[in-house]
Amino acid sequence: MTQSHSPIPALLPEKVGIVTGASRGLGAQIAKQMAAAGALVCVNYLNSKEAADQVVADIIAAGGKAFSYQADVTELEQVQALVAEVVTRYGRIDILVNNALPSYQFNPSAEYTSIETVKWRHFSKQIDGIVKGAVNTVQAVLPQMKAQKTGKIINISTNLVYNPVVTYYDYTTAKSALIGLTRNLASELGQYGIRVNLLAGGLLKTTDASSLTTEEVFDYIATTTPLRQATSVADFANSVLLMASDLSSAITGQSIAVDGGLTMP
């Protein structure tokens, strides 16, 4: 059964947020819903300038504020330049959403789904893109957030770290590392008023990664969740809004599955 979504309340009035990997898919939806909730958004992208500009155009057409910025999150200097531009434009940084990841094909028969055939280069690519990328973005925003004595950092992971129904060794290992990073960051940065949490999604309906997923598969997932429905991209993005807002000010260091209760870590 499809649920209708009421308008998003102004949870993030004039908050300034950066969403990495936001030119399409989940990142684009997060950026749009953050802007709809009142945030001023930097739409980061690596290669897809036209797509990122379209996300910004959609946000502006809906009455929001945003701009796009190209930066490779695996290069610290590029992320520092992005952060400097955000501060120049908006004067602060309240929210960082670490969503970017290297290109990946969710192919159950690929060589990286078996320990007998996966190569270290597979791990290296994912760890650099996911973990190094998150470390770089956090290091880049930290001086501004410390000066403000407040900030929200949200790391995006996958529920495969809790239930590896397909053994994507490289991807899941890198995403698992974000849990450790999240907890360490929360422990160290709480004294500065900075909250750090992780949200782990399941197979979302629908992103680029799940575009080839059949309706039968989504129906099967729905029957196995307590809520009896697959999680939509909009639903997941709403959970990001919650963690980015002042409503979650007492929450830090947590890894939360956003998958309708399919996994319960």
C-alpha atoms as a PDB file:
ATOM      1  CA  MET A   1       0.000   0.000   0.000  1.00  0.00           C
ATOM      2  CA  THR A   2       1.424   3.372  -1.002  1.00  0.00           C
ATOM      3  CA  GLN A   3       1.453   6.069   1.620  1.00  0.00           C
ATOM      4  CA  SER A   4       0.909   9.701   0.717  1.00  0.00           C
ATOM      5  CA  HIS A   5       3.437  12.204   2.003  1.00  0.00           C
ATOM      6  CA  SER A   6       2.343  15.472   3.571  1.00  0.00           C
ATOM      7  CA  PRO A   7       4.418  18.621   2.934  1.00  0.00           C
ATOM      8  CA  ILE A   8       7.742  18.649   4.770  1.00  0.00           C
ATOM      9  CA  PRO A   9       7.693  21.061   7.710  1.00  0.00           C
ATOM     10  CA  ALA A  10      10.402  23.711   7.976  1.00  0.00           C
ATOM     11  CA  LEU A  11      12.687  21.478  10.019  1.00  0.00           C
ATOM     12  CA  LEU A  12      15.860  23.158   8.759  1.00  0.00           C
ATOM     13  CA  PRO A  13      15.100  26.884   8.526  1.00  0.00           C
ATOM     14  CA  GLU A  14      18.142  28.663   7.044  1.00  0.00           C
ATOM     15  CA  LYS A  15      20.422  25.766   7.986  1.00  0.00           C
ATOM     16  CA  VAL A  16      23.373  25.338   5.643  1.00  0.00           C
ATOM     17  CA  GLY A  17      24.040  21.847   4.358  1.00  0.00           C
ATOM     18  CA  ILE A  18      26.456  19.998   2.081  1.00  0.00           C
ATOM     19  CA  VAL A  19      25.331  16.775   0.400  1.00  0.00           C
ATOM     20  CA  THR A  20      28.101  14.834  -1.329  1.00  0.00           C
ATOM     21  CA  GLY A  21      27.297  12.769  -4.398  1.00  0.00           C
ATOM     22  CA  ALA A  22      24.051  14.703  -4.857  1.00  0.00           C
ATOM     23  CA  SER A  23      23.693  14.893  -8.629  1.00  0.00           C
ATOM     24  CA  ARG A  24      21.304  11.932  -8.805  1.00  0.00           C
ATOM     25  CA  GLY A  25      19.650   9.113  -6.894  1.00  0.00           C
ATOM     26  CA  LEU A  26      19.456   9.257  -3.130  1.00  0.00           C
ATOM     27  CA  GLY A  27      21.820  12.226  -2.852  1.00  0.00           C
ATOM     28  CA  ALA A  28      19.672  14.326  -5.159  1.00  0.00           C
ATOM     29  CA  GLN A  29      16.537  13.442  -3.201  1.00  0.00           C
ATOM     30  CA  ILE A  30      18.224  14.321   0.094  1.00  0.00           C
ATOM     31  CA  ALA A  31      19.325  17.681  -1.310  1.00  0.00           C
ATOM     32  CA  LYS A  32      15.827  18.466  -2.606  1.00  0.00           C
ATOM     33  CA  GLN A  33      14.104  17.524   0.642  1.00  0.00           C
ATOM     34  CA  MET A  34      16.639  19.426   2.744  1.00  0.00           C
ATOM     35  CA  ALA A  35      15.974  22.514   0.632  1.00  0.00           C
ATOM     36  CA  ALA A  36      12.211  21.969   0.902  1.00  0.00           C
ATOM     37  CA  ALA A  37      12.681  21.899   4.684  1.00  0.00           C
ATOM     38  CA  GLY A  38      14.327  25.324   4.560  1.00  0.00           C
ATOM     39  CA  ALA A  39      18.021  24.530   4.212  1.00  0.00           C
ATOM     40  CA  LEU A  40      20.523  26.247   1.926  1.00  0.00           C
ATOM     41  CA  VAL A  41      22.168  23.367   0.090  1.00  0.00           C
ATOM     42  CA  CYS A  42      25.460  22.724  -1.669  1.00  0.00           C
ATOM     43  CA  VAL A  43      24.913  19.988  -4.262  1.00  0.00           C
ATOM     44  CA  ASN A  44      28.292  18.293  -4.629  1.00  0.00           C
ATOM     45  CA  TYR A  45      29.099  16.213  -7.692  1.00  0.00           C
ATOM     46  CA  LEU A  46      32.119  14.578  -9.309  1.00  0.00           C
ATOM     47  CA  ASN A  47      31.396  14.246 -13.039  1.00  0.00           C
ATOM     48  CA  SER A  48      27.681  14.862 -13.605  1.00  0.00           C
ATOM     49  CA  LYS A  49      27.571  18.651 -13.900  1.00  0.00           C
ATOM     50  CA  GLU A  50      24.418  18.726 -15.999  1.00  0.00           C
ATOM     51  CA  ALA A  51      22.559  16.465 -13.568  1.00  0.00           C
ATOM     52  CA  ALA A  52      23.747  18.477 -10.545  1.00  0.00           C
ATOM     53  CA  ASP A  53      22.689  21.727 -12.180  1.00  0.00           C
ATOM     54  CA  GLN A  54      19.265  20.206 -12.826  1.00  0.00           C
ATOM     55  CA  VAL A  55      18.936  19.311  -9.133  1.00  0.00           C
ATOM     56  CA  VAL A  56      19.732  22.933  -8.276  1.00  0.00           C
ATOM     57  CA  ALA A  57      17.250  24.169 -10.885  1.00  0.00           C
ATOM     58  CA  ASP A  58      14.535  21.931  -9.424  1.00  0.00           C
ATOM     59  CA  ILE A  59      15.265  23.241  -5.929  1.00  0.00           C
ATOM     60  CA  ILE A  60      15.138  26.874  -7.032  1.00  0.00           C
ATOM     61  CA  ALA A  61      11.942  26.272  -9.022  1.00  0.00           C
ATOM     62  CA  ALA A  62      10.358  24.925  -5.835  1.00  0.00           C
ATOM     63  CA  GLY A  63      11.352  28.070  -3.942  1.00  0.00           C
ATOM     64  CA  GLY A  64      14.502  26.742  -2.327  1.00  0.00           C
ATOM     65  CA  LYS A  65      18.131  27.841  -2.332  1.00  0.00           C
ATOM     66  CA  ALA A  66      21.052  25.762  -3.626  1.00  0.00           C
ATOM     67  CA  PHE A  67      24.147  25.753  -5.785  1.00  0.00           C
ATOM     68  CA  SER A  68      26.258  22.990  -7.304  1.00  0.00           C
ATOM     69  CA  TYR A  69      29.971  22.459  -6.788  1.00  0.00           C
ATOM     70  CA  GLN A  70      32.348  19.967  -8.382  1.00  0.00           C
ATOM     71  CA  ALA A  71      34.774  18.289  -5.998  1.00  0.00           C
ATOM     72  CA  ASP A  72      36.342  14.854  -5.693  1.00  0.00           C
ATOM     73  CA  VAL A  73      35.827  13.863  -2.060  1.00  0.00           C
ATOM     74  CA  THR A  74      38.954  11.692  -2.180  1.00  0.00           C
ATOM     75  CA  GLU A  75      41.028  14.878  -2.649  1.00  0.00           C
ATOM     76  CA  LEU A  76      41.190  16.908   0.576  1.00  0.00           C
ATOM     77  CA  GLU A  77      42.170  20.179  -1.117  1.00  0.00           C
ATOM     78  CA  GLN A  78      39.151  19.993  -3.416  1.00  0.00           C
ATOM     79  CA  VAL A  79      36.804  19.452  -0.475  1.00  0.00           C
ATOM     80  CA  GLN A  80      38.427  22.308   1.436  1.00  0.00           C
ATOM     81  CA  ALA A  81      37.783  24.561  -1.566  1.00  0.00           C
ATOM     82  CA  LEU A  82      34.135  23.445  -1.589  1.00  0.00           C
ATOM     83  CA  VAL A  83      33.794  24.243   2.107  1.00  0.00           C
ATOM     84  CA  ALA A  84      35.391  27.658   1.617  1.00  0.00           C
ATOM     85  CA  GLU A  85      32.849  28.437  -1.118  1.00  0.00           C
ATOM     86  CA  VAL A  86      29.933  27.387   1.098  1.00  0.00           C
ATOM     87  CA  VAL A  87      31.164  29.602   3.945  1.00  0.00           C
ATOM     88  CA  THR A  88      31.703  32.512   1.543  1.00  0.00           C
ATOM     89  CA  ARG A  89      28.149  32.199   0.224  1.00  0.00           C
ATOM     90  CA  TYR A  90      26.236  31.319   3.382  1.00  0.00           C
ATOM     91  CA  GLY A  91      28.514  32.148   6.328  1.00  0.00           C
ATOM     92  CA  ARG A  92      28.314  28.807   8.107  1.00  0.00           C
ATOM     93  CA  ILE A  93      27.958  25.023   7.756  1.00  0.00           C
ATOM     94  CA  ASP A  94      25.371  23.229   9.859  1.00  0.00           C
ATOM     95  CA  ILE A  95      24.983  19.868   8.115  1.00  0.00           C
ATOM     96  CA  LEU A  96      27.263  17.478   6.253  1.00  0.00           C
ATOM     97  CA  VAL A  97      25.741  14.427   4.559  1.00  0.00           C
ATOM     98  CA  ASN A  98      28.387  11.926   3.450  1.00  0.00           C
ATOM     99  CA  ASN A  99      26.556  10.195   0.620  1.00  0.00           C
ATOM    100  CA  ALA A 100      29.176   9.984  -2.153  1.00  0.00           C
ATOM    101  CA  LEU A 101      30.525   6.596  -3.184  1.00  0.00           C
ATOM    102  CA  PRO A 102      32.539   5.258  -6.113  1.00  0.00           C
ATOM    103  CA  SER A 103      30.683   3.881  -9.114  1.00  0.00           C
ATOM    104  CA  TYR A 104      29.416   0.415  -8.311  1.00  0.00           C
ATOM    105  CA  GLN A 105      27.385  -2.320  -9.918  1.00  0.00           C
ATOM    106  CA  PHE A 106      25.213  -4.429  -7.642  1.00  0.00           C
ATOM    107  CA  ASN A 107      25.752  -7.608  -9.614  1.00  0.00           C
ATOM    108  CA  PRO A 108      25.301 -10.786  -7.511  1.00  0.00           C
ATOM    109  CA  SER A 109      27.482 -12.780  -9.927  1.00  0.00           C
ATOM    110  CA  ALA A 110      30.418 -10.333  -9.984  1.00  0.00           C
ATOM    111  CA  GLU A 111      33.865 -11.458  -8.856  1.00  0.00           C
ATOM    112  CA  TYR A 112      33.751  -9.197  -5.804  1.00  0.00           C
ATOM    113  CA  THR A 113      30.900 -11.248  -4.290  1.00  0.00           C
ATOM    114  CA  SER A 114      33.153 -14.222  -3.468  1.00  0.00           C
ATOM    115  CA  ILE A 115      36.158 -14.279  -1.158  1.00  0.00           C
ATOM    116  CA  GLU A 116      37.769 -16.648  -3.650  1.00  0.00           C
ATOM    117  CA  THR A 117      37.703 -14.136  -6.489  1.00  0.00           C
ATOM    118  CA  VAL A 118      37.539 -10.645  -4.945  1.00  0.00           C
ATOM    119  CA  LYS A 119      40.728  -8.604  -5.402  1.00  0.00           C
ATOM    120  CA  TRP A 120      42.258  -6.108  -3.016  1.00  0.00           C
ATOM    121  CA  ARG A 121      41.859  -3.437  -5.702  1.00  0.00           C
ATOM    122  CA  HIS A 122      38.100  -3.832  -5.265  1.00  0.00           C
ATOM    123  CA  PHE A 123      38.431  -3.092  -1.542  1.00  0.00           C
ATOM    124  CA  SER A 124      40.842  -0.210  -2.126  1.00  0.00           C
ATOM    125  CA  LYS A 125      38.499   1.550  -4.538  1.00  0.00           C
ATOM    126  CA  GLN A 126      35.552   1.385  -2.158  1.00  0.00           C
ATOM    127  CA  ILE A 127      37.543   2.242   0.970  1.00  0.00           C
ATOM    128  CA  ASP A 128      39.124   5.262  -0.727  1.00  0.00           C
ATOM    129  CA  GLY A 129      35.838   6.503  -2.118  1.00  0.00           C
ATOM    130  CA  ILE A 130      33.693   5.859   0.941  1.00  0.00           C
ATOM    131  CA  VAL A 131      35.958   6.072   4.002  1.00  0.00           C
ATOM    132  CA  LYS A 132      38.676   8.416   2.770  1.00  0.00           C
ATOM    133  CA  GLY A 133      35.977  10.585   1.238  1.00  0.00           C
ATOM    134  CA  ALA A 134      34.140  10.862   4.554  1.00  0.00           C
ATOM    135  CA  VAL A 135      37.347  11.564   6.489  1.00  0.00           C
ATOM    136  CA  ASN A 136      38.244  14.345   4.046  1.00  0.00           C
ATOM    137  CA  THR A 137      34.857  16.030   4.222  1.00  0.00           C
ATOM    138  CA  VAL A 138      34.786  15.889   8.014  1.00  0.00           C
ATOM    139  CA  GLN A 139      38.285  17.354   8.260  1.00  0.00           C
ATOM    140  CA  ALA A 140      37.260  20.096   5.853  1.00  0.00           C
ATOM    141  CA  VAL A 141      34.100  21.188   7.706  1.00  0.00           C
ATOM    142  CA  LEU A 142      35.494  20.725  11.206  1.00  0.00           C
ATOM    143  CA  PRO A 143      37.113  24.167  11.700  1.00  0.00           C
ATOM    144  CA  GLN A 144      33.826  25.892  10.832  1.00  0.00           C
ATOM    145  CA  MET A 145      31.668  23.593  12.942  1.00  0.00           C
ATOM    146  CA  LYS A 146      34.031  23.896  15.924  1.00  0.00           C
ATOM    147  CA  ALA A 147      33.944  27.675  15.637  1.00  0.00           C
ATOM    148  CA  GLN A 148      30.132  27.552  15.607  1.00  0.00           C
ATOM    149  CA  LYS A 149      30.102  25.024  18.477  1.00  0.00           C
ATOM    150  CA  THR A 150      27.460  23.058  16.613  1.00  0.00           C
ATOM    151  CA  GLY A 151      27.018  20.794  13.608  1.00  0.00           C
ATOM    152  CA  LYS A 152      25.404  17.630  12.293  1.00  0.00           C
ATOM    153  CA  ILE A 153      27.337  14.986  10.359  1.00  0.00           C
ATOM    154  CA  ILE A 154      25.325  12.158   8.788  1.00  0.00           C
ATOM    155  CA  ASN A 155      27.065   9.200   7.204  1.00  0.00           C
ATOM    156  CA  ILE A 156      25.099   7.092   4.715  1.00  0.00           C
ATOM    157  CA  SER A 157      25.598   3.324   4.851  1.00  0.00           C
ATOM    158  CA  THR A 158      23.695   0.164   3.928  1.00  0.00           C
ATOM    159  CA  ASN A 159      21.792  -2.489   5.856  1.00  0.00           C
ATOM    160  CA  LEU A 160      24.010  -5.053   4.119  1.00  0.00           C
ATOM    161  CA  VAL A 161      26.443  -4.414   6.973  1.00  0.00           C
ATOM    162  CA  TYR A 162      23.869  -6.023   9.283  1.00  0.00           C
ATOM    163  CA  ASN A 163      22.492  -8.641   6.902  1.00  0.00           C
ATOM    164  CA  PRO A 164      24.735  -9.444   3.897  1.00  0.00           C
ATOM    165  CA  VAL A 165      22.090 -11.155   1.788  1.00  0.00           C
ATOM    166  CA  VAL A 166      24.493 -10.665  -1.127  1.00  0.00           C
ATOM    167  CA  THR A 167      28.174 -10.775  -0.192  1.00  0.00           C
ATOM    168  CA  TYR A 168      29.430  -7.573  -1.768  1.00  0.00           C
ATOM    169  CA  TYR A 169      32.746  -7.846   0.047  1.00  0.00           C
ATOM    170  CA  ASP A 170      34.334  -4.573  -1.046  1.00  0.00           C
ATOM    171  CA  TYR A 171      31.281  -2.338  -0.753  1.00  0.00           C
ATOM    172  CA  THR A 172      29.982  -3.777   2.517  1.00  0.00           C
ATOM    173  CA  THR A 173      33.417  -3.739   4.164  1.00  0.00           C
ATOM    174  CA  ALA A 174      33.901  -0.073   3.313  1.00  0.00           C
ATOM    175  CA  LYS A 175      30.389   0.824   4.468  1.00  0.00           C
ATOM    176  CA  SER A 176      30.984  -1.125   7.703  1.00  0.00           C
ATOM    177  CA  ALA A 177      34.040   1.022   8.379  1.00  0.00           C
ATOM    178  CA  LEU A 178      31.765   4.059   8.486  1.00  0.00           C
ATOM    179  CA  ILE A 179      30.201   2.667  11.655  1.00  0.00           C
ATOM    180  CA  GLY A 180      33.554   2.753  13.440  1.00  0.00           C
ATOM    181  CA  LEU A 181      34.305   6.178  12.024  1.00  0.00           C
ATOM    182  CA  THR A 182      30.907   7.485  13.138  1.00  0.00           C
ATOM    183  CA  ARG A 183      31.376   6.284  16.716  1.00  0.00           C
ATOM    184  CA  ASN A 184      34.881   7.696  17.027  1.00  0.00           C
ATOM    185  CA  LEU A 185      33.844  11.049  15.584  1.00  0.00           C
ATOM    186  CA  ALA A 186      30.856  11.243  17.912  1.00  0.00           C
ATOM    187  CA  SER A 187      33.053  10.484  20.906  1.00  0.00           C
ATOM    188  CA  GLU A 188      35.627  13.129  20.058  1.00  0.00           C
ATOM    189  CA  LEU A 189      33.454  15.881  18.611  1.00  0.00           C
ATOM    190  CA  GLY A 190      30.550  15.875  21.060  1.00  0.00           C
ATOM    191  CA  GLN A 191      32.430  18.333  23.259  1.00  0.00           C
ATOM    192  CA  TYR A 192      32.122  20.861  20.423  1.00  0.00           C
ATOM    193  CA  GLY A 193      28.381  20.384  20.018  1.00  0.00           C
ATOM    194  CA  ILE A 194      28.838  18.285  16.884  1.00  0.00           C
ATOM    195  CA  ARG A 195      26.559  15.260  16.508  1.00  0.00           C
ATOM    196  CA  VAL A 196      27.578  12.376  14.229  1.00  0.00           C
ATOM    197  CA  ASN A 197      25.243   9.564  13.216  1.00  0.00           C
ATOM    198  CA  LEU A 198      24.904   6.926  10.520  1.00  0.00           C
ATOM    199  CA  LEU A 199      21.822   5.895   8.576  1.00  0.00           C
ATOM    200  CA  ALA A 200      21.815   2.521   6.832  1.00  0.00           C
ATOM    201  CA  GLY A 201      19.377   2.011   3.995  1.00  0.00           C
ATOM    202  CA  GLY A 202      18.077  -1.104   2.371  1.00  0.00           C
ATOM    203  CA  LEU A 203      17.030  -1.580  -1.240  1.00  0.00           C
ATOM    204  CA  LEU A 204      15.307   1.726  -1.882  1.00  0.00           C
ATOM    205  CA  LYS A 205      12.384   2.180  -4.229  1.00  0.00           C
ATOM    206  CA  THR A 206      13.752   3.429  -6.556  1.00  0.00           C
ATOM    207  CA  THR A 207      17.341   4.608  -7.195  1.00  0.00           C
ATOM    208  CA  ASP A 208      19.830   4.056 -10.016  1.00  0.00           C
ATOM    209  CA  ALA A 209      21.136   1.065  -8.086  1.00  0.00           C
ATOM    210  CA  SER A 210      17.689  -0.500  -7.838  1.00  0.00           C
ATOM    211  CA  SER A 211      16.338   0.604 -11.216  1.00  0.00           C
ATOM    212  CA  LEU A 212      16.523  -2.928 -12.622  1.00  0.00           C
ATOM    213  CA  THR A 213      14.872  -4.465  -9.568  1.00  0.00           C
ATOM    214  CA  THR A 214      11.543  -6.042 -10.475  1.00  0.00           C
ATOM    215  CA  GLU A 215       8.254  -5.252  -8.774  1.00  0.00           C
ATOM    216  CA  GLU A 216       8.176  -8.877  -7.584  1.00  0.00           C
ATOM    217  CA  VAL A 217      11.405  -8.350  -5.635  1.00  0.00           C
ATOM    218  CA  PHE A 218      10.085  -5.161  -4.045  1.00  0.00           C
ATOM    219  CA  ASP A 219       6.886  -7.008  -3.139  1.00  0.00           C
ATOM    220  CA  TYR A 220       8.928  -9.783  -1.524  1.00  0.00           C
ATOM    221  CA  ILE A 221      10.916  -7.260   0.505  1.00  0.00           C
ATOM    222  CA  ALA A 222       7.671  -5.654   1.619  1.00  0.00           C
ATOM    223  CA  THR A 223       6.315  -8.963   2.904  1.00  0.00           C
ATOM    224  CA  THR A 224       9.451  -9.526   5.020  1.00  0.00           C
ATOM    225  CA  THR A 225       9.418  -6.141   6.779  1.00  0.00           C
ATOM    226  CA  PRO A 226       7.298  -5.341   9.842  1.00  0.00           C
ATOM    227  CA  LEU A 227       5.842  -2.323   8.025  1.00  0.00           C
ATOM    228  CA  ARG A 228       4.937  -4.479   5.014  1.00  0.00           C
ATOM    229  CA  GLN A 229       6.352  -1.992   2.534  1.00  0.00           C
ATOM    230  CA  ALA A 230       9.607  -1.254   0.739  1.00  0.00           C
ATOM    231  CA  THR A 231      11.363   1.920   1.863  1.00  0.00           C
ATOM    232  CA  SER A 232      11.112   4.741  -0.656  1.00  0.00           C
ATOM    233  CA  VAL A 233      13.887   7.192  -1.453  1.00  0.00           C
ATOM    234  CA  ALA A 234      11.713   9.964  -0.018  1.00  0.00           C
ATOM    235  CA  ASP A 235      11.226   8.036   3.235  1.00  0.00           C
ATOM    236  CA  PHE A 236      14.966   7.580   3.620  1.00  0.00           C
ATOM    237  CA  ALA A 237      15.605  11.251   2.860  1.00  0.00           C
ATOM    238  CA  ASN A 238      13.094  12.191   5.563  1.00  0.00           C
ATOM    239  CA  SER A 239      15.167  10.237   8.090  1.00  0.00           C
ATOM    240  CA  VAL A 240      18.142  12.377   7.058  1.00  0.00           C
ATOM    241  CA  LEU A 241      16.063  15.484   7.748  1.00  0.00           C
ATOM    242  CA  LEU A 242      15.301  14.199  11.225  1.00  0.00           C
ATOM    243  CA  MET A 243      18.967  13.581  12.012  1.00  0.00           C
ATOM    244  CA  ALA A 244      19.924  16.955  10.520  1.00  0.00           C
ATOM    245  CA  SER A 245      17.326  18.858  12.538  1.00  0.00           C
ATOM    246  CA  ASP A 246      17.309  20.084  16.133  1.00  0.00           C
ATOM    247  CA  LEU A 247      14.806  17.320  16.959  1.00  0.00           C
ATOM    248  CA  SER A 248      17.700  14.846  17.169  1.00  0.00           C
ATOM    249  CA  SER A 249      19.939  16.978  19.379  1.00  0.00           C
ATOM    250  CA  ALA A 250      20.235  14.206  22.001  1.00  0.00           C
ATOM    251  CA  ILE A 251      21.289  11.563  19.450  1.00  0.00           C
ATOM    252  CA  THR A 252      24.909  10.942  18.496  1.00  0.00           C
ATOM    253  CA  GLY A 253      27.162   8.009  17.719  1.00  0.00           C
ATOM    254  CA  GLN A 254      24.278   5.881  16.493  1.00  0.00           C
ATOM    255  CA  SER A 255      23.962   3.600  13.457  1.00  0.00           C
ATOM    256  CA  ILE A 256      20.302   3.314  12.529  1.00  0.00           C
ATOM    257  CA  ALA A 257      18.769   1.071   9.892  1.00  0.00           C
ATOM    258  CA  VAL A 258      16.153   2.788   7.739  1.00  0.00           C
ATOM    259  CA  ASP A 259      14.549  -0.228   6.095  1.00  0.00           C
ATOM    260  CA  GLY A 260      11.120  -0.679   7.602  1.00  0.00           C
ATOM    261  CA  GLY A 261      12.476  -2.950  10.338  1.00  0.00           C
ATOM    262  CA  LEU A 262      13.926  -5.510   7.920  1.00  0.00           C
ATOM    263  CA  THR A 263      17.099  -5.457  10.014  1.00  0.00           C
ATOM    264  CA  MET A 264      17.191  -4.615  13.702  1.00  0.00           C
ATOM    265  CA  PRO A 265      20.853  -4.049  14.712  1.00  0.00           C
END
